PDB file of N, CA and C in Angstrom:
ATOM      1  N   GLY A   1      -8.891  -0.713  -8.903  1.00  0.00           N
ATOM      2  CA  GLY A   1      -9.985   0.377  -9.045  1.00  0.00           C
ATOM      3  C   GLY A   1      -9.850   0.832 -10.444  1.00  0.00           C
ATOM      4  N   ASP A   2     -11.007   1.264 -10.873  1.00  0.00           N
ATOM      5  CA  ASP A   2     -11.091   1.675 -12.226  1.00  0.00           C
ATOM      6  C   ASP A   2     -11.522   3.018 -12.098  1.00  0.00           C
ATOM      7  N   CYS A   3     -10.900   4.198 -12.030  1.00  0.00           N
ATOM      8  CA  CYS A   3     -11.338   5.599 -11.983  1.00  0.00           C
ATOM      9  C   CYS A   3     -10.324   6.432 -12.590  1.00  0.00           C
ATOM     10  N   ALA A   4     -10.641   7.729 -12.697  1.00  0.00           N
ATOM     11  CA  ALA A   4      -9.570   8.665 -13.198  1.00  0.00           C
ATOM     12  C   ALA A   4      -8.395   8.781 -12.423  1.00  0.00           C
ATOM     13  N   ASP A   5      -8.206   8.478 -11.199  1.00  0.00           N
ATOM     14  CA  ASP A   5      -7.043   8.425 -10.504  1.00  0.00           C
ATOM     15  C   ASP A   5      -6.267   7.326 -10.947  1.00  0.00           C
ATOM     16  N   LEU A   6      -6.596   6.393 -11.498  1.00  0.00           N
ATOM     17  CA  LEU A   6      -5.886   5.176 -11.893  1.00  0.00           C
ATOM     18  C   LEU A   6      -6.150   4.857 -13.576  1.00  0.00           C
ATOM     19  N   PRO A   7      -5.589   5.932 -14.370  1.00  0.00           N
ATOM     20  CA  PRO A   7      -5.668   5.712 -15.719  1.00  0.00           C
ATOM     21  C   PRO A   7      -4.648   4.798 -16.316  1.00  0.00           C
ATOM     22  N   ILE A   8      -4.926   3.554 -16.030  1.00  0.00           N
ATOM     23  CA  ILE A   8      -3.929   2.500 -16.527  1.00  0.00           C
ATOM     24  C   ILE A   8      -4.764   1.118 -17.149  1.00  0.00           C
ATOM     25  N   SER A   9      -4.207   0.520 -17.847  1.00  0.00           N
ATOM     26  CA  SER A   9      -5.006  -0.419 -18.401  1.00  0.00           C
ATOM     27  C   SER A   9      -4.984  -1.683 -17.377  1.00  0.00           C
ATOM     28  N   ALA A  10      -6.153  -2.542 -17.675  1.00  0.00           N
ATOM     29  CA  ALA A  10      -6.275  -3.681 -16.738  1.00  0.00           C
ATOM     30  C   ALA A  10      -5.046  -4.618 -16.776  1.00  0.00           C
ATOM     31  N   ASP A  11      -4.248  -4.764 -17.984  1.00  0.00           N
ATOM     32  CA  ASP A  11      -2.993  -5.334 -18.055  1.00  0.00           C
ATOM     33  C   ASP A  11      -1.958  -4.929 -17.157  1.00  0.00           C
ATOM     34  N   ASP A  12      -1.997  -3.516 -17.251  1.00  0.00           N
ATOM     35  CA  ASP A  12      -0.916  -2.934 -16.317  1.00  0.00           C
ATOM     36  C   ASP A  12      -1.169  -3.016 -14.931  1.00  0.00           C
ATOM     37  N   ALA A  13      -2.701  -2.798 -14.501  1.00  0.00           N
ATOM     38  CA  ALA A  13      -2.814  -3.023 -13.221  1.00  0.00           C
ATOM     39  C   ALA A  13      -2.593  -4.381 -12.637  1.00  0.00           C
ATOM     40  N   LYS A  14      -2.934  -5.299 -13.418  1.00  0.00           N
ATOM     41  CA  LYS A  14      -2.637  -6.690 -12.986  1.00  0.00           C
ATOM     42  C   LYS A  14      -1.169  -6.897 -12.886  1.00  0.00           C
ATOM     43  N   ALA A  15      -0.468  -6.395 -13.713  1.00  0.00           N
ATOM     44  CA  ALA A  15       1.304  -6.384 -13.553  1.00  0.00           C
ATOM     45  C   ALA A  15       1.642  -5.826 -12.477  1.00  0.00           C
ATOM     46  N   ALA A  16       1.162  -4.512 -12.063  1.00  0.00           N
ATOM     47  CA  ALA A  16       1.358  -3.891 -11.079  1.00  0.00           C
ATOM     48  C   ALA A  16       1.066  -4.642  -9.708  1.00  0.00           C
ATOM     49  N   GLN A  17      -0.120  -5.290  -9.637  1.00  0.00           N
ATOM     50  CA  GLN A  17      -0.434  -6.013  -8.432  1.00  0.00           C
ATOM     51  C   GLN A  17       0.353  -7.223  -8.313  1.00  0.00           C
ATOM     52  N   ALA A  18       0.733  -7.713  -9.467  1.00  0.00           N
ATOM     53  CA  ALA A  18       1.533  -8.914  -9.212  1.00  0.00           C
ATOM     54  C   ALA A  18       2.957  -8.517  -8.621  1.00  0.00           C
ATOM     55  N   ILE A  19       3.575  -7.345  -8.932  1.00  0.00           N
ATOM     56  CA  ILE A  19       4.851  -6.899  -8.558  1.00  0.00           C
ATOM     57  C   ILE A  19       4.774  -6.526  -6.888  1.00  0.00           C
ATOM     58  N   ALA A  20       3.521  -5.873  -6.698  1.00  0.00           N
ATOM     59  CA  ALA A  20       3.435  -5.442  -5.256  1.00  0.00           C
ATOM     60  C   ALA A  20       3.105  -6.857  -4.391  1.00  0.00           C
ATOM     61  N   ALA A  21       2.487  -7.701  -4.923  1.00  0.00           N
ATOM     62  CA  ALA A  21       2.230  -9.101  -4.174  1.00  0.00           C
ATOM     63  C   ALA A  21       3.566  -9.806  -3.972  1.00  0.00           C
ATOM     64  N   ASN A  22       4.406  -9.795  -5.021  1.00  0.00           N
ATOM     65  CA  ASN A  22       5.872 -10.386  -4.715  1.00  0.00           C
ATOM     66  C   ASN A  22       6.603  -9.585  -3.691  1.00  0.00           C
ATOM     67  N   LEU A  23       6.531  -8.324  -3.892  1.00  0.00           N
ATOM     68  CA  LEU A  23       7.316  -7.617  -2.811  1.00  0.00           C
ATOM     69  C   LEU A  23       6.669  -7.764  -1.399  1.00  0.00           C
ATOM     70  N   ALA A  24       5.450  -8.057  -1.196  1.00  0.00           N
ATOM     71  CA  ALA A  24       4.928  -8.214  -0.093  1.00  0.00           C
ATOM     72  C   ALA A  24       5.262  -9.662   0.574  1.00  0.00           C
ATOM     73  N   VAL A  25       5.520 -10.735  -0.388  1.00  0.00           N
ATOM     74  CA  VAL A  25       5.823 -11.826  -0.018  1.00  0.00           C
ATOM     75  C   VAL A  25       7.468 -12.024   0.426  1.00  0.00           C
ATOM     76  N   ILE A  26       8.210 -11.218  -0.325  1.00  0.00           N
ATOM     77  CA  ILE A  26       9.687 -11.182  -0.011  1.00  0.00           C
ATOM     78  C   ILE A  26       9.843 -10.411   1.188  1.00  0.00           C
ATOM     79  N   THR A  27       9.233  -9.391   1.498  1.00  0.00           N
ATOM     80  CA  THR A  27       9.366  -8.488   2.614  1.00  0.00           C
ATOM     81  C   THR A  27       8.956  -9.391   3.763  1.00  0.00           C
ATOM     82  N   GLU A  28       7.866 -10.172   3.744  1.00  0.00           N
ATOM     83  CA  GLU A  28       7.349 -10.815   4.811  1.00  0.00           C
ATOM     84  C   GLU A  28       8.433 -11.986   4.962  1.00  0.00           C
ATOM     85  N   LYS A  29       8.909 -12.523   4.218  1.00  0.00           N
ATOM     86  CA  LYS A  29      10.031 -13.608   4.420  1.00  0.00           C
ATOM     87  C   LYS A  29      11.103 -13.114   4.872  1.00  0.00           C
ATOM     88  N   VAL A  30      11.755 -11.825   4.569  1.00  0.00           N
ATOM     89  CA  VAL A  30      12.879 -11.408   5.183  1.00  0.00           C
ATOM     90  C   VAL A  30      12.499 -11.027   6.789  1.00  0.00           C
ATOM     91  N   ALA A  31      11.468 -10.259   6.856  1.00  0.00           N
ATOM     92  CA  ALA A  31      11.065 -10.077   8.165  1.00  0.00           C
ATOM     93  C   ALA A  31      11.329 -11.335   9.003  1.00  0.00           C
ATOM     94  N   GLN A  32      10.540 -12.404   8.693  1.00  0.00           N
ATOM     95  CA  GLN A  32      10.452 -13.597   9.413  1.00  0.00           C
ATOM     96  C   GLN A  32      12.067 -14.013   9.744  1.00  0.00           C
ATOM     97  N   ALA A  33      12.778 -14.243   8.676  1.00  0.00           N
ATOM     98  CA  ALA A  33      14.084 -14.692   8.757  1.00  0.00           C
ATOM     99  C   ALA A  33      15.014 -13.919   9.670  1.00  0.00           C
ATOM    100  N   SER A  34      14.726 -12.734   9.919  1.00  0.00           N
ATOM    101  CA  SER A  34      15.645 -11.697  10.669  1.00  0.00           C
ATOM    102  C   SER A  34      14.886 -11.575  12.051  1.00  0.00           C
ATOM    103  N   GLY A  35      13.749 -12.185  12.159  1.00  0.00           N
ATOM    104  CA  GLY A  35      13.027 -12.224  13.652  1.00  0.00           C
ATOM    105  C   GLY A  35      12.166 -10.972  13.602  1.00  0.00           C
ATOM    106  N   ALA A  36      11.997 -10.295  12.692  1.00  0.00           N
ATOM    107  CA  ALA A  36      11.159  -9.051  12.826  1.00  0.00           C
ATOM    108  C   ALA A  36       9.841  -9.528  12.459  1.00  0.00           C
ATOM    109  N   GLU A  37       8.866  -8.509  13.266  1.00  0.00           N
ATOM    110  CA  GLU A  37       7.437  -8.823  12.726  1.00  0.00           C
ATOM    111  C   GLU A  37       7.010  -8.121  11.361  1.00  0.00           C
ATOM    112  N   PHE A  38       6.106  -8.629  10.821  1.00  0.00           N
ATOM    113  CA  PHE A  38       5.565  -8.108   9.705  1.00  0.00           C
ATOM    114  C   PHE A  38       4.274  -7.502   9.805  1.00  0.00           C
ATOM    115  N   LEU A  39       3.975  -6.128   9.339  1.00  0.00           N
ATOM    116  CA  LEU A  39       2.684  -5.653   9.346  1.00  0.00           C
ATOM    117  C   LEU A  39       2.140  -5.724   7.823  1.00  0.00           C
ATOM    118  N   PRO A  40       1.116  -6.498   7.874  1.00  0.00           N
ATOM    119  CA  PRO A  40       0.584  -6.754   6.188  1.00  0.00           C
ATOM    120  C   PRO A  40      -0.177  -5.566   5.657  1.00  0.00           C
ATOM    121  N   ILE A  41       0.556  -4.299   5.530  1.00  0.00           N
ATOM    122  CA  ILE A  41      -0.218  -3.159   4.997  1.00  0.00           C
ATOM    123  C   ILE A  41      -1.076  -3.494   3.833  1.00  0.00           C
ATOM    124  N   SER A  42      -0.432  -4.164   2.869  1.00  0.00           N
ATOM    125  CA  SER A  42      -1.244  -4.354   1.496  1.00  0.00           C
ATOM    126  C   SER A  42      -2.625  -5.095   1.774  1.00  0.00           C
ATOM    127  N   ARG A  43      -2.588  -6.097   2.795  1.00  0.00           N
ATOM    128  CA  ARG A  43      -3.930  -6.786   3.138  1.00  0.00           C
ATOM    129  C   ARG A  43      -4.814  -5.762   3.918  1.00  0.00           C
ATOM    130  N   LEU A  44      -4.198  -5.083   4.623  1.00  0.00           N
ATOM    131  CA  LEU A  44      -5.044  -4.101   5.641  1.00  0.00           C
ATOM    132  C   LEU A  44      -5.611  -2.963   4.863  1.00  0.00           C
ATOM    133  N   SER A  45      -4.864  -2.430   3.844  1.00  0.00           N
ATOM    134  CA  SER A  45      -5.450  -1.249   2.865  1.00  0.00           C
ATOM    135  C   SER A  45      -6.236  -1.829   1.741  1.00  0.00           C
ATOM    136  N   ARG A  46      -6.489  -3.118   1.594  1.00  0.00           N
ATOM    137  CA  ARG A  46      -7.001  -3.625   0.421  1.00  0.00           C
ATOM    138  C   ARG A  46      -8.260  -2.734  -0.051  1.00  0.00           C
ATOM    139  N   ARG A  47      -9.010  -2.338   0.766  1.00  0.00           N
ATOM    140  CA  ARG A  47     -10.281  -1.639   0.244  1.00  0.00           C
ATOM    141  C   ARG A  47     -10.216  -0.147   0.309  1.00  0.00           C
ATOM    142  N   HIS A  48      -8.829   0.530   0.335  1.00  0.00           N
ATOM    143  CA  HIS A  48      -8.385   1.763   0.480  1.00  0.00           C
ATOM    144  C   HIS A  48      -7.715   2.234  -0.894  1.00  0.00           C
ATOM    145  N   ASN A  49      -7.930   1.553  -1.895  1.00  0.00           N
ATOM    146  CA  ASN A  49      -6.962   2.009  -3.057  1.00  0.00           C
ATOM    147  C   ASN A  49      -7.373   3.451  -3.619  1.00  0.00           C
ATOM    148  N   ALA A  50      -6.678   3.927  -4.623  1.00  0.00           N
ATOM    149  CA  ALA A  50      -6.752   5.252  -5.264  1.00  0.00           C
ATOM    150  C   ALA A  50      -8.277   5.387  -5.490  1.00  0.00           C
ATOM    151  N   CYS A  51      -9.135   4.643  -5.784  1.00  0.00           N
ATOM    152  CA  CYS A  51     -10.390   4.819  -6.402  1.00  0.00           C
ATOM    153  C   CYS A  51     -11.526   4.802  -5.204  1.00  0.00           C
ATOM    154  N   ALA A  52     -11.094   4.265  -4.060  1.00  0.00           N
ATOM    155  CA  ALA A  52     -12.178   4.080  -3.038  1.00  0.00           C
ATOM    156  C   ALA A  52     -12.453   5.264  -2.338  1.00  0.00           C
ATOM    157  N   ALA A  53     -13.581   5.273  -1.613  1.00  0.00           N
ATOM    158  CA  ALA A  53     -14.208   6.429  -0.922  1.00  0.00           C
ATOM    159  C   ALA A  53     -13.253   7.061   0.038  1.00  0.00           C
ATOM    160  N   ASP A  54     -12.444   6.257   0.653  1.00  0.00           N
ATOM    161  CA  ASP A  54     -11.488   6.400   1.737  1.00  0.00           C
ATOM    162  C   ASP A  54     -10.136   5.983   1.159  1.00  0.00           C
ATOM    163  N   PRO A  55      -9.538   6.754   0.156  1.00  0.00           N
ATOM    164  CA  PRO A  55      -8.234   6.390  -0.278  1.00  0.00           C
ATOM    165  C   PRO A  55      -7.074   6.446   0.670  1.00  0.00           C
ATOM    166  N   TRP A  56      -6.414   5.318   0.701  1.00  0.00           N
ATOM    167  CA  TRP A  56      -5.170   5.557   1.659  1.00  0.00           C
ATOM    168  C   TRP A  56      -3.913   5.519   0.745  1.00  0.00           C
ATOM    169  N   ALA A  57      -4.090   5.656  -0.694  1.00  0.00           N
ATOM    170  CA  ALA A  57      -3.115   5.681  -1.569  1.00  0.00           C
ATOM    171  C   ALA A  57      -3.158   6.653  -2.743  1.00  0.00           C
ATOM    172  N   ASN A  58      -1.965   7.190  -3.223  1.00  0.00           N
ATOM    173  CA  ASN A  58      -2.265   8.317  -4.241  1.00  0.00           C
ATOM    174  C   ASN A  58      -2.420   7.438  -5.603  1.00  0.00           C
ATOM    175  N   GLY A  59      -3.129   8.128  -6.591  1.00  0.00           N
ATOM    176  CA  GLY A  59      -3.426   7.608  -7.875  1.00  0.00           C
ATOM    177  C   GLY A  59      -2.273   7.980  -8.738  1.00  0.00           C
ATOM    178  N   PHE A  60      -2.447   7.890 -10.072  1.00  0.00           N
ATOM    179  CA  PHE A  60      -1.304   8.314 -10.926  1.00  0.00           C
ATOM    180  C   PHE A  60      -1.685   9.576 -11.423  1.00  0.00           C
ATOM    181  N   LYS A  61      -0.534  10.493 -11.430  1.00  0.00           N
ATOM    182  CA  LYS A  61      -0.783  11.760 -12.081  1.00  0.00           C
ATOM    183  C   LYS A  61       0.501  12.037 -12.887  1.00  0.00           C
ATOM    184  N   PRO A  62       0.612  11.754 -14.030  1.00  0.00           N
ATOM    185  CA  PRO A  62       2.027  11.840 -14.778  1.00  0.00           C
ATOM    186  C   PRO A  62       2.285  13.214 -14.987  1.00  0.00           C
ATOM    187  N   GLU A  63       1.354  14.073 -14.839  1.00  0.00           N
ATOM    188  CA  GLU A  63       1.648  15.337 -15.220  1.00  0.00           C
ATOM    189  C   GLU A  63       2.430  16.228 -13.923  1.00  0.00           C
ATOM    190  N   VAL A  64       2.436  15.475 -12.955  1.00  0.00           N
ATOM    191  CA  VAL A  64       2.949  15.976 -11.644  1.00  0.00           C
ATOM    192  C   VAL A  64       4.480  15.452 -11.350  1.00  0.00           C
ATOM    193  N   ALA A  65       5.422  16.151 -11.644  1.00  0.00           N
ATOM    194  CA  ALA A  65       6.753  15.716 -11.444  1.00  0.00           C
ATOM    195  C   ALA A  65       6.990  14.993  -9.796  1.00  0.00           C
ATOM    196  N   ASN A  66       7.617  13.984  -9.846  1.00  0.00           N
ATOM    197  CA  ASN A  66       8.000  13.476  -8.591  1.00  0.00           C
ATOM    198  C   ASN A  66       6.690  13.186  -7.806  1.00  0.00           C
ATOM    199  N   TYR A  67       5.546  12.907  -8.262  1.00  0.00           N
ATOM    200  CA  TYR A  67       4.488  12.437  -7.614  1.00  0.00           C
ATOM    201  C   TYR A  67       4.460  10.843  -7.193  1.00  0.00           C
ATOM    202  N   ALA A  68       4.128  10.551  -6.000  1.00  0.00           N
ATOM    203  CA  ALA A  68       4.463   9.311  -5.362  1.00  0.00           C
ATOM    204  C   ALA A  68       3.285   8.466  -5.769  1.00  0.00           C
ATOM    205  N   ALA A  69       3.189   8.053  -6.906  1.00  0.00           N
ATOM    206  CA  ALA A  69       2.054   7.415  -7.387  1.00  0.00           C
ATOM    207  C   ALA A  69       2.064   6.059  -6.652  1.00  0.00           C
ATOM    208  N   ALA A  70       0.718   5.511  -6.346  1.00  0.00           N
ATOM    209  CA  ALA A  70       0.567   4.219  -5.808  1.00  0.00           C
ATOM    210  C   ALA A  70       1.420   4.068  -4.295  1.00  0.00           C
ATOM    211  N   HIS A  71       1.651   5.134  -3.755  1.00  0.00           N
ATOM    212  CA  HIS A  71       2.260   5.151  -2.422  1.00  0.00           C
ATOM    213  C   HIS A  71       1.288   5.750  -1.469  1.00  0.00           C
ATOM    214  N   PRO A  72       1.529   5.455  -0.090  1.00  0.00           N
ATOM    215  CA  PRO A  72       0.418   6.094   0.875  1.00  0.00           C
ATOM    216  C   PRO A  72       0.370   7.503   0.939  1.00  0.00           C
ATOM    217  N   ASN A  73      -0.877   7.851   0.853  1.00  0.00           N
ATOM    218  CA  ASN A  73      -1.313   9.471   0.993  1.00  0.00           C
ATOM    219  C   ASN A  73      -1.208   9.753   2.694  1.00  0.00           C
ATOM    220  N   LEU A  74      -1.551  10.720   3.049  1.00  0.00           N
ATOM    221  CA  LEU A  74      -1.643  11.323   4.457  1.00  0.00           C
ATOM    222  C   LEU A  74      -2.571  10.393   5.187  1.00  0.00           C
ATOM    223  N   ALA A  75      -3.851  10.095   4.588  1.00  0.00           N
ATOM    224  CA  ALA A  75      -4.619   9.336   5.320  1.00  0.00           C
ATOM    225  C   ALA A  75      -3.978   7.623   5.452  1.00  0.00           C
ATOM    226  N   GLY A  76      -3.296   7.357   4.384  1.00  0.00           N
ATOM    227  CA  GLY A  76      -2.847   5.985   4.441  1.00  0.00           C
ATOM    228  C   GLY A  76      -1.757   5.922   5.497  1.00  0.00           C
ATOM    229  N   MET A  77      -0.677   7.056   5.474  1.00  0.00           N
ATOM    230  CA  MET A  77       0.239   6.959   6.408  1.00  0.00           C
ATOM    231  C   MET A  77      -0.244   7.081   7.882  1.00  0.00           C
ATOM    232  N   SER A  78      -1.441   7.858   8.180  1.00  0.00           N
ATOM    233  CA  SER A  78      -1.933   7.996   9.410  1.00  0.00           C
ATOM    234  C   SER A  78      -2.554   6.664   9.859  1.00  0.00           C
ATOM    235  N   ALA A  79      -3.253   5.917   8.891  1.00  0.00           N
ATOM    236  CA  ALA A  79      -3.725   4.680   9.399  1.00  0.00           C
ATOM    237  C   ALA A  79      -2.600   3.743   9.469  1.00  0.00           C
ATOM    238  N   ILE A  80      -1.617   3.622   8.724  1.00  0.00           N
ATOM    239  CA  ILE A  80      -0.540   2.749   9.042  1.00  0.00           C
ATOM    240  C   ILE A  80       0.064   3.083  10.349  1.00  0.00           C
ATOM    241  N   ALA A  81       0.334   4.164  10.719  1.00  0.00           N
ATOM    242  CA  ALA A  81       0.957   4.530  12.093  1.00  0.00           C
ATOM    243  C   ALA A  81      -0.116   4.076  13.229  1.00  0.00           C
ATOM    244  N   GLU A  82      -1.224   4.182  12.965  1.00  0.00           N
ATOM    245  CA  GLU A  82      -2.138   3.864  14.093  1.00  0.00           C
ATOM    246  C   GLU A  82      -1.980   2.367  14.280  1.00  0.00           C
ATOM    247  N   LEU A  83      -2.106   1.512  13.269  1.00  0.00           N
ATOM    248  CA  LEU A  83      -2.045   0.009  13.203  1.00  0.00           C
ATOM    249  C   LEU A  83      -0.678  -0.364  13.784  1.00  0.00           C
ATOM    250  N   LEU A  84       0.393   0.500  13.562  1.00  0.00           N
ATOM    251  CA  LEU A  84       1.616   0.186  14.068  1.00  0.00           C
ATOM    252  C   LEU A  84       1.671   0.445  15.519  1.00  0.00           C
ATOM    253  N   ASP A  85       1.152   1.450  15.839  1.00  0.00           N
ATOM    254  CA  ASP A  85       1.155   1.752  17.228  1.00  0.00           C
ATOM    255  C   ASP A  85       0.334   0.891  18.099  1.00  0.00           C
ATOM    256  N   LYS A  86      -0.713   0.419  17.601  1.00  0.00           N
ATOM    257  CA  LYS A  86      -1.553  -0.662  18.307  1.00  0.00           C
ATOM    258  C   LYS A  86      -0.753  -2.037  18.354  1.00  0.00           C
ATOM    259  N   ARG A  87       0.058  -2.309  17.328  1.00  0.00           N
ATOM    260  CA  ARG A  87       0.809  -3.554  17.408  1.00  0.00           C
ATOM    261  C   ARG A  87       1.882  -3.235  18.405  1.00  0.00           C
ATOM    262  N   LEU A  88       2.698  -2.161  18.357  1.00  0.00           N
ATOM    263  CA  LEU A  88       3.667  -1.814  19.206  1.00  0.00           C
ATOM    264  C   LEU A  88       3.187  -1.937  20.696  1.00  0.00           C
ATOM    265  N   GLY A  89       2.038  -1.057  20.968  1.00  0.00           N
ATOM    266  CA  GLY A  89       1.362  -1.217  22.280  1.00  0.00           C
ATOM    267  C   GLY A  89       1.160  -2.640  22.985  1.00  0.00           C
ATOM    268  N   THR A  90       0.886  -3.380  22.033  1.00  0.00           N
ATOM    269  CA  THR A  90       0.763  -4.878  22.823  1.00  0.00           C
ATOM    270  C   THR A  90       2.107  -5.492  23.096  1.00  0.00           C
ATOM    271  N   ARG A  91       3.128  -4.798  22.578  1.00  0.00           N
ATOM    272  CA  ARG A  91       4.441  -5.364  22.893  1.00  0.00           C
ATOM    273  C   ARG A  91       5.225  -4.832  24.040  1.00  0.00           C
ATOM    274  N   ARG A  92       4.775  -3.634  24.516  1.00  0.00           N
ATOM    275  CA  ARG A  92       5.468  -2.970  25.552  1.00  0.00           C
ATOM    276  C   ARG A  92       5.308  -3.568  27.070  1.00  0.00           C
TER     277      ARG A  92
END
């Protein structure tokens, strides 16, 4: 997104997206190798970035110490919990 909650350059945004994509690939591979299931949150939350009408992630607020930038907010964690509950419900 491009909004006040994401005051970063296009190059920095691309770099952050590349890092996040790489982490998702590594996490999925490790999950598969260990026999665990992988819940693809990055794909499921794609339309819910900090600039979205219904954001699931925090924006960047450098003026706030210990702010969890780019991490799930309450709406995001609630959505993830619901998705996980649905996934686990099919396994019981």
